[in-house]
Amino acid sequence: MDKKKPKRLRRIAAGRITKTVRNLFIAANTTLCDDVCDALRRALAQEASPIGREVLAKILQNADIARDNALPICQDTGLAVLFLEVGQDVRIVGGPLQDAIAEGVRQAYAEGFLRKSVCDPFTRANTKDNTPAVIHCDIVPGDHLRIIAMPKGGGSENMSQARMLTPAAGLDGVKQFVLETVEKAGANACPPIIVGVGIGGSLEEACLLAKKALLRPVGAKNEDDDRLAKMEEDLFRKINALGIGPAGLGGRMTTLGVSAVMKPCHIASLPVAVNIQCHVARHREETL
C-alpha cells in the first residue's frame, strides 16, 4: 500500500515579515485608502451644512497633502493592530513570528517618523518604539501569510463600548445601544466616523468582531446576512439624523458607513460591541 508523502511546508523568512510590516504601517499612516476617500467625497456631495462641507473639503485636502508628501495623515499614528491569516502549511524561519512583527513596527515608527503612542497603563512611561503590537491571528488552510496592518487612534478607540445585553433586548436593543454609543461619542471620535458592530460570541469575541467589521470597504453592502444589511442601513440613516456632523460642528454626515459582523452566542447572553473608527480609517494589507 502506497503511503502519501507529507505535504512540504512553505517557508517564509522572518526578515521578509519584518519588512512587510514596516512598509504596511508607513503606507497606512500616510495614504488613505481609496474606499475611504470615495466615501468622504460622497459625504461632501450630500452634506447640507456649509461648515460641514468645509470640514469635509479640508479632510480630503489633508489626505492629499499627506499622500503627496509622505507625511502622517493624523498626528495620532495609532496603536499597531494587526490581523494575521496564517496558513497551516506555513513555517516561519529565522525567528519567532511575534519578534518579526515587533521589529517591523519599531522600524516603521522610527523610519516613518510616526508618533510613538504606547505607554505603561499606570506610570504612563512610553515604550519609545510603539510596541508591543496588538496581534490577532487566525489559522487557515493553505500556505500563505496574510498581514493586515491597522493603526488605531486613541480618540475613536476611547469612544468604543461593549455591553452584555439580555437576550430579550433583541435587534432593537442592539440598535439602541449603537445609537447611544455614537451619540455619547459626539465630536470626540473625529466624525464623520465609521461604525463597526460585533454581535454574539462572548464578550471578548464581540469586541474583536466589531474591530474586524471596520476592515470591510466603507459603504459596501453586507453580503453575509440580510438582517445585518437592513440593520446597517437603518443605523446609517439614524446616526446621520443625530445632527453631530463633520468634526461635531453639526450637519447631515456623522457617519460614512456602518458594518456589522455576527456569530452565535450563549443562550443566556447577547454580547454587543461598538468599535468606532475616525474618518482617518487606516489599513493596508499584503499576502506573502
C-alpha atoms as a PDB file:
ATOM      1  CA  MET A   1       0.000   0.000   0.000  1.00  0.00           C
ATOM      2  CA  ASP A   2       1.463   3.365  -1.075  1.00  0.00           C
ATOM      3  CA  LYS A   3       1.981   5.902   1.616  1.00  0.00           C
ATOM      4  CA  LYS A   4       1.279   9.517   0.801  1.00  0.00           C
ATOM      5  CA  LYS A   5       4.206  11.818   1.331  1.00  0.00           C
ATOM      6  CA  PRO A   6       3.530  14.569   3.864  1.00  0.00           C
ATOM      7  CA  LYS A   7       2.955  17.955   2.280  1.00  0.00           C
ATOM      8  CA  ARG A   8       6.047  20.105   2.254  1.00  0.00           C
ATOM      9  CA  LEU A   9       5.720  23.211   4.408  1.00  0.00           C
ATOM     10  CA  ARG A  10       6.271  26.564   2.744  1.00  0.00           C
ATOM     11  CA  ARG A  11       8.966  28.591   4.468  1.00  0.00           C
ATOM     12  CA  ILE A  12       8.595  32.338   4.991  1.00  0.00           C
ATOM     13  CA  ALA A  13      11.568  34.228   6.372  1.00  0.00           C
ATOM     14  CA  ALA A  14      11.071  36.335   9.481  1.00  0.00           C
ATOM     15  CA  GLY A  15      13.028  39.139   7.825  1.00  0.00           C
ATOM     16  CA  ARG A  16      10.504  39.290   4.998  1.00  0.00           C
ATOM     17  CA  ILE A  17       7.690  39.624   7.537  1.00  0.00           C
ATOM     18  CA  THR A  18       9.531  42.450   9.292  1.00  0.00           C
ATOM     19  CA  LYS A  19       9.986  44.347   6.031  1.00  0.00           C
ATOM     20  CA  THR A  20       6.328  43.849   5.082  1.00  0.00           C
ATOM     21  CA  VAL A  21       5.042  45.056   8.463  1.00  0.00           C
ATOM     22  CA  ARG A  22       7.310  48.108   8.275  1.00  0.00           C
ATOM     23  CA  ASN A  23       6.076  49.068   4.827  1.00  0.00           C
ATOM     24  CA  LEU A  24       2.406  48.456   5.646  1.00  0.00           C
ATOM     25  CA  PHE A  25       2.363  50.704   8.708  1.00  0.00           C
ATOM     26  CA  ILE A  26       4.156  53.530   6.924  1.00  0.00           C
ATOM     27  CA  ALA A  27       1.795  53.267   3.947  1.00  0.00           C
ATOM     28  CA  ALA A  28      -1.311  53.048   6.150  1.00  0.00           C
ATOM     29  CA  ASN A  29      -0.301  56.162   8.066  1.00  0.00           C
ATOM     30  CA  THR A  30       0.446  58.279   5.008  1.00  0.00           C
ATOM     31  CA  THR A  31      -2.026  57.214   2.319  1.00  0.00           C
ATOM     32  CA  LEU A  32      -5.759  56.993   2.957  1.00  0.00           C
ATOM     33  CA  CYS A  33      -7.443  54.047   1.233  1.00  0.00           C
ATOM     34  CA  ASP A  34      -9.474  54.724  -1.929  1.00  0.00           C
ATOM     35  CA  ASP A  35     -12.712  53.444  -0.377  1.00  0.00           C
ATOM     36  CA  VAL A  36     -12.430  55.970   2.459  1.00  0.00           C
ATOM     37  CA  CYS A  37     -11.614  58.852   0.096  1.00  0.00           C
ATOM     38  CA  ASP A  38     -14.581  57.891  -2.104  1.00  0.00           C
ATOM     39  CA  ALA A  39     -16.864  57.801   0.959  1.00  0.00           C
ATOM     40  CA  LEU A  40     -15.638  61.249   2.018  1.00  0.00           C
ATOM     41  CA  ARG A  41     -16.379  62.615  -1.460  1.00  0.00           C
ATOM     42  CA  ARG A  42     -19.884  61.137  -1.310  1.00  0.00           C
ATOM     43  CA  ALA A  43     -20.362  62.728   2.095  1.00  0.00           C
ATOM     44  CA  LEU A  44     -19.216  66.087   0.734  1.00  0.00           C
ATOM     45  CA  ALA A  45     -21.792  65.853  -2.051  1.00  0.00           C
ATOM     46  CA  GLN A  46     -24.568  65.019   0.422  1.00  0.00           C
ATOM     47  CA  GLU A  47     -23.686  67.416   3.239  1.00  0.00           C
ATOM     48  CA  ALA A  48     -26.111  70.342   3.573  1.00  0.00           C
ATOM     49  CA  SER A  49     -24.220  72.338   6.210  1.00  0.00           C
ATOM     50  CA  PRO A  50     -21.731  74.921   4.826  1.00  0.00           C
ATOM     51  CA  ILE A  51     -19.438  74.335   7.821  1.00  0.00           C
ATOM     52  CA  GLY A  52     -19.767  70.578   7.359  1.00  0.00           C
ATOM     53  CA  ARG A  53     -18.824  70.858   3.676  1.00  0.00           C
ATOM     54  CA  GLU A  54     -15.814  72.974   4.567  1.00  0.00           C
ATOM     55  CA  VAL A  55     -14.664  70.409   7.136  1.00  0.00           C
ATOM     56  CA  LEU A  56     -15.000  67.538   4.640  1.00  0.00           C
ATOM     57  CA  ALA A  57     -13.136  69.501   1.969  1.00  0.00           C
ATOM     58  CA  LYS A  58     -10.277  70.120   4.440  1.00  0.00           C
ATOM     59  CA  ILE A  59     -10.182  66.432   5.379  1.00  0.00           C
ATOM     60  CA  LEU A  60      -9.784  65.488   1.722  1.00  0.00           C
ATOM     61  CA  GLN A  61      -7.172  68.204   1.188  1.00  0.00           C
ATOM     62  CA  ASN A  62      -5.256  66.948   4.228  1.00  0.00           C
ATOM     63  CA  ALA A  63      -5.301  63.396   2.824  1.00  0.00           C
ATOM     64  CA  ASP A  64      -3.904  64.641  -0.489  1.00  0.00           C
ATOM     65  CA  ILE A  65      -1.093  66.558   1.234  1.00  0.00           C
ATOM     66  CA  ALA A  66      -0.193  63.552   3.385  1.00  0.00           C
ATOM     67  CA  ARG A  67      -0.099  61.227   0.363  1.00  0.00           C
ATOM     68  CA  ASP A  68       1.888  63.578  -1.866  1.00  0.00           C
ATOM     69  CA  ASN A  69       4.481  64.394   0.806  1.00  0.00           C
ATOM     70  CA  ALA A  70       4.630  61.005   2.573  1.00  0.00           C
ATOM     71  CA  LEU A  71       3.507  62.616   5.832  1.00  0.00           C
ATOM     72  CA  PRO A  72       1.214  61.170   8.511  1.00  0.00           C
ATOM     73  CA  ILE A  73      -2.460  61.812   7.787  1.00  0.00           C
ATOM     74  CA  CYS A  74      -3.009  62.432  11.513  1.00  0.00           C
ATOM     75  CA  GLN A  75      -0.671  63.222  14.384  1.00  0.00           C
ATOM     76  CA  ASP A  76      -2.094  60.180  16.197  1.00  0.00           C
ATOM     77  CA  THR A  77      -0.412  57.415  14.229  1.00  0.00           C
ATOM     78  CA  GLY A  78      -2.093  54.798  16.331  1.00  0.00           C
ATOM     79  CA  LEU A  79      -1.700  51.645  18.288  1.00  0.00           C
ATOM     80  CA  ALA A  80      -0.237  48.991  15.976  1.00  0.00           C
ATOM     81  CA  VAL A  81      -3.063  46.483  15.461  1.00  0.00           C
ATOM     82  CA  LEU A  82      -2.518  43.510  13.139  1.00  0.00           C
ATOM     83  CA  PHE A  83      -4.807  40.811  11.791  1.00  0.00           C
ATOM     84  CA  LEU A  84      -2.992  37.717  10.533  1.00  0.00           C
ATOM     85  CA  GLU A  85      -4.184  34.767   8.473  1.00  0.00           C
ATOM     86  CA  VAL A  86      -1.542  32.074   8.885  1.00  0.00           C
ATOM     87  CA  GLY A  87      -1.786  29.123   6.533  1.00  0.00           C
ATOM     88  CA  GLN A  88      -1.415  25.803   8.330  1.00  0.00           C
ATOM     89  CA  ASP A  89       1.179  24.774   5.726  1.00  0.00           C
ATOM     90  CA  VAL A  90       3.446  27.729   6.529  1.00  0.00           C
ATOM     91  CA  ARG A  91       6.583  27.644   8.633  1.00  0.00           C
ATOM     92  CA  ILE A  92       8.231  30.857   9.811  1.00  0.00           C
ATOM     93  CA  VAL A  93      12.021  30.567   9.693  1.00  0.00           C
ATOM     94  CA  GLY A  94      14.745  32.831  11.023  1.00  0.00           C
ATOM     95  CA  GLY A  95      12.986  33.852  14.227  1.00  0.00           C
ATOM     96  CA  PRO A  96       9.633  33.915  16.056  1.00  0.00           C
ATOM     97  CA  LEU A  97       6.661  35.472  14.262  1.00  0.00           C
ATOM     98  CA  GLN A  98       5.929  37.878  17.129  1.00  0.00           C
ATOM     99  CA  ASP A  99       9.512  39.132  17.159  1.00  0.00           C
ATOM    100  CA  ALA A 100       9.462  39.700  13.394  1.00  0.00           C
ATOM    101  CA  ILE A 101       6.277  41.751  13.711  1.00  0.00           C
ATOM    102  CA  ALA A 102       7.606  43.773  16.649  1.00  0.00           C
ATOM    103  CA  GLU A 103      10.745  44.660  14.714  1.00  0.00           C
ATOM    104  CA  GLY A 104       8.656  45.741  11.736  1.00  0.00           C
ATOM    105  CA  VAL A 105       6.600  48.035  13.964  1.00  0.00           C
ATOM    106  CA  ARG A 106       9.779  49.504  15.503  1.00  0.00           C
ATOM    107  CA  GLN A 107      11.248  50.246  12.100  1.00  0.00           C
ATOM    108  CA  ALA A 108       8.010  51.738  10.773  1.00  0.00           C
ATOM    109  CA  TYR A 109       7.539  54.158  13.634  1.00  0.00           C
ATOM    110  CA  ALA A 110      11.210  55.181  13.704  1.00  0.00           C
ATOM    111  CA  GLU A 111      11.947  55.423   9.974  1.00  0.00           C
ATOM    112  CA  GLY A 112       8.490  56.716   9.050  1.00  0.00           C
ATOM    113  CA  PHE A 113       8.687  59.464  11.694  1.00  0.00           C
ATOM    114  CA  LEU A 114       5.425  58.251  13.211  1.00  0.00           C
ATOM    115  CA  ARG A 115       4.375  59.226  16.721  1.00  0.00           C
ATOM    116  CA  LYS A 116       5.043  56.535  19.315  1.00  0.00           C
ATOM    117  CA  SER A 117       1.931  56.359  21.487  1.00  0.00           C
ATOM    118  CA  VAL A 118       2.280  53.154  23.531  1.00  0.00           C
ATOM    119  CA  CYS A 119       2.845  53.520  27.272  1.00  0.00           C
ATOM    120  CA  ASP A 120       2.549  51.768  30.629  1.00  0.00           C
ATOM    121  CA  PRO A 121      -1.095  51.913  31.787  1.00  0.00           C
ATOM    122  CA  PHE A 122      -0.220  53.330  35.238  1.00  0.00           C
ATOM    123  CA  THR A 123       3.139  55.119  35.087  1.00  0.00           C
ATOM    124  CA  ARG A 124       2.393  56.361  31.518  1.00  0.00           C
ATOM    125  CA  ALA A 125       6.063  55.748  30.670  1.00  0.00           C
ATOM    126  CA  ASN A 126       6.368  55.488  26.869  1.00  0.00           C
ATOM    127  CA  THR A 127       7.793  52.252  25.440  1.00  0.00           C
ATOM    128  CA  LYS A 128       9.542  54.513  22.863  1.00  0.00           C
ATOM    129  CA  ASP A 129       9.050  52.221  19.862  1.00  0.00           C
ATOM    130  CA  ASN A 130       5.233  51.772  19.689  1.00  0.00           C
ATOM    131  CA  THR A 131       5.472  48.144  20.765  1.00  0.00           C
ATOM    132  CA  PRO A 132       4.032  45.820  21.796  1.00  0.00           C
ATOM    133  CA  ALA A 133       1.663  45.476  18.859  1.00  0.00           C
ATOM    134  CA  VAL A 134      -1.835  44.007  19.225  1.00  0.00           C
ATOM    135  CA  ILE A 135      -1.863  40.807  17.169  1.00  0.00           C
ATOM    136  CA  HIS A 136      -4.953  38.799  16.209  1.00  0.00           C
ATOM    137  CA  CYS A 137      -4.129  35.517  14.486  1.00  0.00           C
ATOM    138  CA  ASP A 138      -6.341  33.053  12.595  1.00  0.00           C
ATOM    139  CA  ILE A 139      -5.019  29.681  11.421  1.00  0.00           C
ATOM    140  CA  VAL A 140      -6.439  28.933   7.965  1.00  0.00           C
ATOM    141  CA  PRO A 141      -5.922  26.300   5.229  1.00  0.00           C
ATOM    142  CA  GLY A 142      -3.148  26.947   2.726  1.00  0.00           C
ATOM    143  CA  ASP A 143       0.456  28.058   2.589  1.00  0.00           C
ATOM    144  CA  HIS A 144       0.085  31.831   2.672  1.00  0.00           C
ATOM    145  CA  LEU A 145       0.506  34.519   5.306  1.00  0.00           C
ATOM    146  CA  ARG A 146      -1.874  37.468   5.049  1.00  0.00           C
ATOM    147  CA  ILE A 147      -0.923  40.537   7.080  1.00  0.00           C
ATOM    148  CA  ILE A 148      -3.355  43.399   7.700  1.00  0.00           C
ATOM    149  CA  ALA A 149      -1.928  46.467   9.431  1.00  0.00           C
ATOM    150  CA  MET A 150      -4.475  48.686  11.165  1.00  0.00           C
ATOM    151  CA  PRO A 151      -3.146  51.700  13.071  1.00  0.00           C
ATOM    152  CA  LYS A 152      -5.913  52.605  15.562  1.00  0.00           C
ATOM    153  CA  GLY A 153      -6.073  56.074  17.072  1.00  0.00           C
ATOM    154  CA  GLY A 154      -6.865  56.691  20.728  1.00  0.00           C
ATOM    155  CA  GLY A 155      -9.703  59.177  20.281  1.00  0.00           C
ATOM    156  CA  SER A 156     -12.033  56.840  18.413  1.00  0.00           C
ATOM    157  CA  GLU A 157     -10.977  53.829  20.490  1.00  0.00           C
ATOM    158  CA  ASN A 158     -11.844  55.695  23.696  1.00  0.00           C
ATOM    159  CA  MET A 159     -15.396  56.184  22.445  1.00  0.00           C
ATOM    160  CA  SER A 160     -15.910  52.471  21.704  1.00  0.00           C
ATOM    161  CA  GLN A 161     -18.096  50.404  24.011  1.00  0.00           C
ATOM    162  CA  ALA A 162     -19.167  46.829  24.802  1.00  0.00           C
ATOM    163  CA  ARG A 163     -22.246  45.649  26.635  1.00  0.00           C
ATOM    164  CA  MET A 164     -23.816  42.346  27.663  1.00  0.00           C
ATOM    165  CA  LEU A 165     -27.464  42.773  26.715  1.00  0.00           C
ATOM    166  CA  THR A 166     -30.213  40.421  27.822  1.00  0.00           C
ATOM    167  CA  PRO A 167     -31.460  38.110  25.060  1.00  0.00           C
ATOM    168  CA  ALA A 168     -34.836  39.850  25.305  1.00  0.00           C
ATOM    169  CA  ALA A 169     -33.227  43.094  24.095  1.00  0.00           C
ATOM    170  CA  GLY A 170     -33.083  41.631  20.595  1.00  0.00           C
ATOM    171  CA  LEU A 171     -32.346  43.582  17.442  1.00  0.00           C
ATOM    172  CA  ASP A 172     -33.980  46.766  18.745  1.00  0.00           C
ATOM    173  CA  GLY A 173     -31.764  46.668  21.826  1.00  0.00           C
ATOM    174  CA  VAL A 174     -28.652  46.275  19.703  1.00  0.00           C
ATOM    175  CA  LYS A 175     -29.583  49.257  17.526  1.00  0.00           C
ATOM    176  CA  GLN A 176     -30.397  51.393  20.548  1.00  0.00           C
ATOM    177  CA  PHE A 177     -27.013  50.596  22.107  1.00  0.00           C
ATOM    178  CA  VAL A 178     -25.206  51.540  18.878  1.00  0.00           C
ATOM    179  CA  LEU A 179     -27.071  54.857  18.662  1.00  0.00           C
ATOM    180  CA  GLU A 180     -26.399  55.653  22.326  1.00  0.00           C
ATOM    181  CA  THR A 181     -22.693  54.936  21.866  1.00  0.00           C
ATOM    182  CA  VAL A 182     -22.385  57.185  18.804  1.00  0.00           C
ATOM    183  CA  GLU A 183     -24.411  59.995  20.387  1.00  0.00           C
ATOM    184  CA  LYS A 184     -22.275  59.857  23.536  1.00  0.00           C
ATOM    185  CA  ALA A 185     -19.099  59.954  21.422  1.00  0.00           C
ATOM    186  CA  GLY A 186     -20.192  63.198  19.764  1.00  0.00           C
ATOM    187  CA  ALA A 187     -17.223  65.121  18.393  1.00  0.00           C
ATOM    188  CA  ASN A 188     -14.652  63.130  20.400  1.00  0.00           C
ATOM    189  CA  ALA A 189     -14.301  60.380  17.778  1.00  0.00           C
ATOM    190  CA  CYS A 190     -13.465  62.840  14.947  1.00  0.00           C
ATOM    191  CA  PRO A 191     -16.556  62.417  12.746  1.00  0.00           C
ATOM    192  CA  PRO A 192     -17.540  61.529  10.134  1.00  0.00           C
ATOM    193  CA  ILE A 193     -16.941  58.151  11.702  1.00  0.00           C
ATOM    194  CA  ILE A 194     -17.145  54.534  10.595  1.00  0.00           C
ATOM    195  CA  VAL A 195     -19.047  52.274  12.977  1.00  0.00           C
ATOM    196  CA  GLY A 196     -18.095  48.629  13.460  1.00  0.00           C
ATOM    197  CA  VAL A 197     -20.604  46.436  15.298  1.00  0.00           C
ATOM    198  CA  GLY A 198     -19.839  42.988  16.703  1.00  0.00           C
ATOM    199  CA  ILE A 199     -22.742  40.821  17.812  1.00  0.00           C
ATOM    200  CA  GLY A 200     -22.607  37.443  19.528  1.00  0.00           C
ATOM    201  CA  GLY A 201     -19.841  35.117  20.569  1.00  0.00           C
ATOM    202  CA  SER A 202     -18.526  36.040  24.014  1.00  0.00           C
ATOM    203  CA  LEU A 203     -17.650  39.429  25.491  1.00  0.00           C
ATOM    204  CA  GLU A 204     -14.133  39.456  24.054  1.00  0.00           C
ATOM    205  CA  GLU A 205     -15.172  37.996  20.698  1.00  0.00           C
ATOM    206  CA  ALA A 206     -17.859  40.656  20.218  1.00  0.00           C
ATOM    207  CA  CYS A 207     -15.130  43.303  20.615  1.00  0.00           C
ATOM    208  CA  LEU A 208     -12.919  41.524  18.082  1.00  0.00           C
ATOM    209  CA  LEU A 209     -15.800  41.150  15.618  1.00  0.00           C
ATOM    210  CA  ALA A 210     -16.535  44.880  15.891  1.00  0.00           C
ATOM    211  CA  LYS A 211     -12.945  45.747  15.042  1.00  0.00           C
ATOM    212  CA  LYS A 212     -12.858  43.266  12.158  1.00  0.00           C
ATOM    213  CA  ALA A 213     -16.043  44.849  10.811  1.00  0.00           C
ATOM    214  CA  LEU A 214     -14.077  48.064  10.258  1.00  0.00           C
ATOM    215  CA  LEU A 215     -11.955  46.295   7.625  1.00  0.00           C
ATOM    216  CA  ARG A 216     -14.851  45.983   5.192  1.00  0.00           C
ATOM    217  CA  PRO A 217     -14.700  48.604   2.386  1.00  0.00           C
ATOM    218  CA  VAL A 218     -16.630  51.669   3.522  1.00  0.00           C
ATOM    219  CA  GLY A 219     -20.184  51.650   2.230  1.00  0.00           C
ATOM    220  CA  ALA A 220     -20.019  48.073   0.928  1.00  0.00           C
ATOM    221  CA  LYS A 221     -23.243  46.105   1.366  1.00  0.00           C
ATOM    222  CA  ASN A 222     -23.287  43.263   3.868  1.00  0.00           C
ATOM    223  CA  GLU A 223     -23.440  40.141   1.688  1.00  0.00           C
ATOM    224  CA  ASP A 224     -23.401  37.653   4.578  1.00  0.00           C
ATOM    225  CA  ASP A 225     -26.702  38.360   6.328  1.00  0.00           C
ATOM    226  CA  ASP A 226     -29.783  40.209   5.072  1.00  0.00           C
ATOM    227  CA  ARG A 227     -30.796  41.032   8.639  1.00  0.00           C
ATOM    228  CA  LEU A 228     -27.484  42.753   9.264  1.00  0.00           C
ATOM    229  CA  ALA A 229     -27.651  44.537   5.906  1.00  0.00           C
ATOM    230  CA  LYS A 230     -31.026  46.040   6.838  1.00  0.00           C
ATOM    231  CA  MET A 231     -29.776  46.922  10.334  1.00  0.00           C
ATOM    232  CA  GLU A 232     -26.737  48.684   8.874  1.00  0.00           C
ATOM    233  CA  GLU A 233     -28.890  50.743   6.516  1.00  0.00           C
ATOM    234  CA  ASP A 234     -31.258  51.713   9.321  1.00  0.00           C
ATOM    235  CA  LEU A 235     -28.407  52.686  11.643  1.00  0.00           C
ATOM    236  CA  PHE A 236     -26.705  54.664   8.869  1.00  0.00           C
ATOM    237  CA  ARG A 237     -29.850  56.788   8.461  1.00  0.00           C
ATOM    238  CA  LYS A 238     -30.461  57.198  12.185  1.00  0.00           C
ATOM    239  CA  ILE A 239     -26.854  58.089  13.029  1.00  0.00           C
ATOM    240  CA  ASN A 240     -26.792  60.715  10.290  1.00  0.00           C
ATOM    241  CA  ALA A 241     -30.043  62.111  11.690  1.00  0.00           C
ATOM    242  CA  LEU A 242     -28.350  62.818  15.040  1.00  0.00           C
ATOM    243  CA  GLY A 243     -27.010  66.112  13.673  1.00  0.00           C
ATOM    244  CA  ILE A 244     -23.474  65.704  15.070  1.00  0.00           C
ATOM    245  CA  GLY A 245     -21.960  66.294  11.630  1.00  0.00           C
ATOM    246  CA  PRO A 246     -18.345  66.573  10.424  1.00  0.00           C
ATOM    247  CA  ALA A 247     -15.955  67.450  13.273  1.00  0.00           C
ATOM    248  CA  GLY A 248     -19.007  67.610  15.553  1.00  0.00           C
ATOM    249  CA  LEU A 249     -19.941  71.039  14.172  1.00  0.00           C
ATOM    250  CA  GLY A 250     -23.396  69.993  13.001  1.00  0.00           C
ATOM    251  CA  GLY A 251     -24.601  68.612   9.719  1.00  0.00           C
ATOM    252  CA  ARG A 252     -26.006  65.614   7.927  1.00  0.00           C
ATOM    253  CA  MET A 253     -22.935  63.370   7.661  1.00  0.00           C
ATOM    254  CA  THR A 254     -21.964  61.951  11.045  1.00  0.00           C
ATOM    255  CA  THR A 255     -21.025  58.505   9.703  1.00  0.00           C
ATOM    256  CA  LEU A 256     -19.540  57.285   6.429  1.00  0.00           C
ATOM    257  CA  GLY A 257     -20.748  53.747   6.975  1.00  0.00           C
ATOM    258  CA  VAL A 258     -21.888  51.053   9.400  1.00  0.00           C
ATOM    259  CA  SER A 259     -20.558  47.486   9.239  1.00  0.00           C
ATOM    260  CA  ALA A 260     -21.668  44.563  11.400  1.00  0.00           C
ATOM    261  CA  VAL A 261     -20.439  41.023  11.958  1.00  0.00           C
ATOM    262  CA  MET A 262     -22.359  38.383  13.911  1.00  0.00           C
ATOM    263  CA  LYS A 263     -21.703  34.948  15.422  1.00  0.00           C
ATOM    264  CA  PRO A 264     -23.836  32.605  17.531  1.00  0.00           C
ATOM    265  CA  CYS A 265     -23.739  33.201  21.279  1.00  0.00           C
ATOM    266  CA  HIS A 266     -24.737  31.528  24.578  1.00  0.00           C
ATOM    267  CA  ILE A 267     -28.479  31.149  25.222  1.00  0.00           C
ATOM    268  CA  ALA A 268     -28.203  33.399  28.292  1.00  0.00           C
ATOM    269  CA  SER A 269     -26.335  36.238  26.602  1.00  0.00           C
ATOM    270  CA  LEU A 270     -26.418  38.852  23.861  1.00  0.00           C
ATOM    271  CA  PRO A 271     -22.918  40.390  23.698  1.00  0.00           C
ATOM    272  CA  VAL A 272     -22.603  43.556  21.599  1.00  0.00           C
ATOM    273  CA  ALA A 273     -19.594  45.760  20.914  1.00  0.00           C
ATOM    274  CA  VAL A 274     -19.290  49.023  19.012  1.00  0.00           C
ATOM    275  CA  ASN A 275     -15.845  49.895  17.688  1.00  0.00           C
ATOM    276  CA  ILE A 276     -15.751  53.427  16.350  1.00  0.00           C
ATOM    277  CA  GLN A 277     -13.246  54.484  13.714  1.00  0.00           C
ATOM    278  CA  CYS A 278     -12.498  58.123  12.964  1.00  0.00           C
ATOM    279  CA  HIS A 279     -12.513  59.487   9.409  1.00  0.00           C
ATOM    280  CA  VAL A 280      -8.827  58.524   9.172  1.00  0.00           C
ATOM    281  CA  ALA A 281      -9.713  54.862   8.631  1.00  0.00           C
ATOM    282  CA  ARG A 282      -6.275  53.416   8.017  1.00  0.00           C
ATOM    283  CA  HIS A 283      -5.434  49.887   6.989  1.00  0.00           C
ATOM    284  CA  ARG A 284      -3.135  48.189   4.491  1.00  0.00           C
ATOM    285  CA  GLU A 285      -2.564  44.535   3.727  1.00  0.00           C
ATOM    286  CA  GLU A 286      -0.275  42.157   1.870  1.00  0.00           C
ATOM    287  CA  THR A 287      -0.259  38.407   1.337  1.00  0.00           C
ATOM    288  CA  LEU A 288       3.077  36.593   1.349  1.00  0.00           C
END
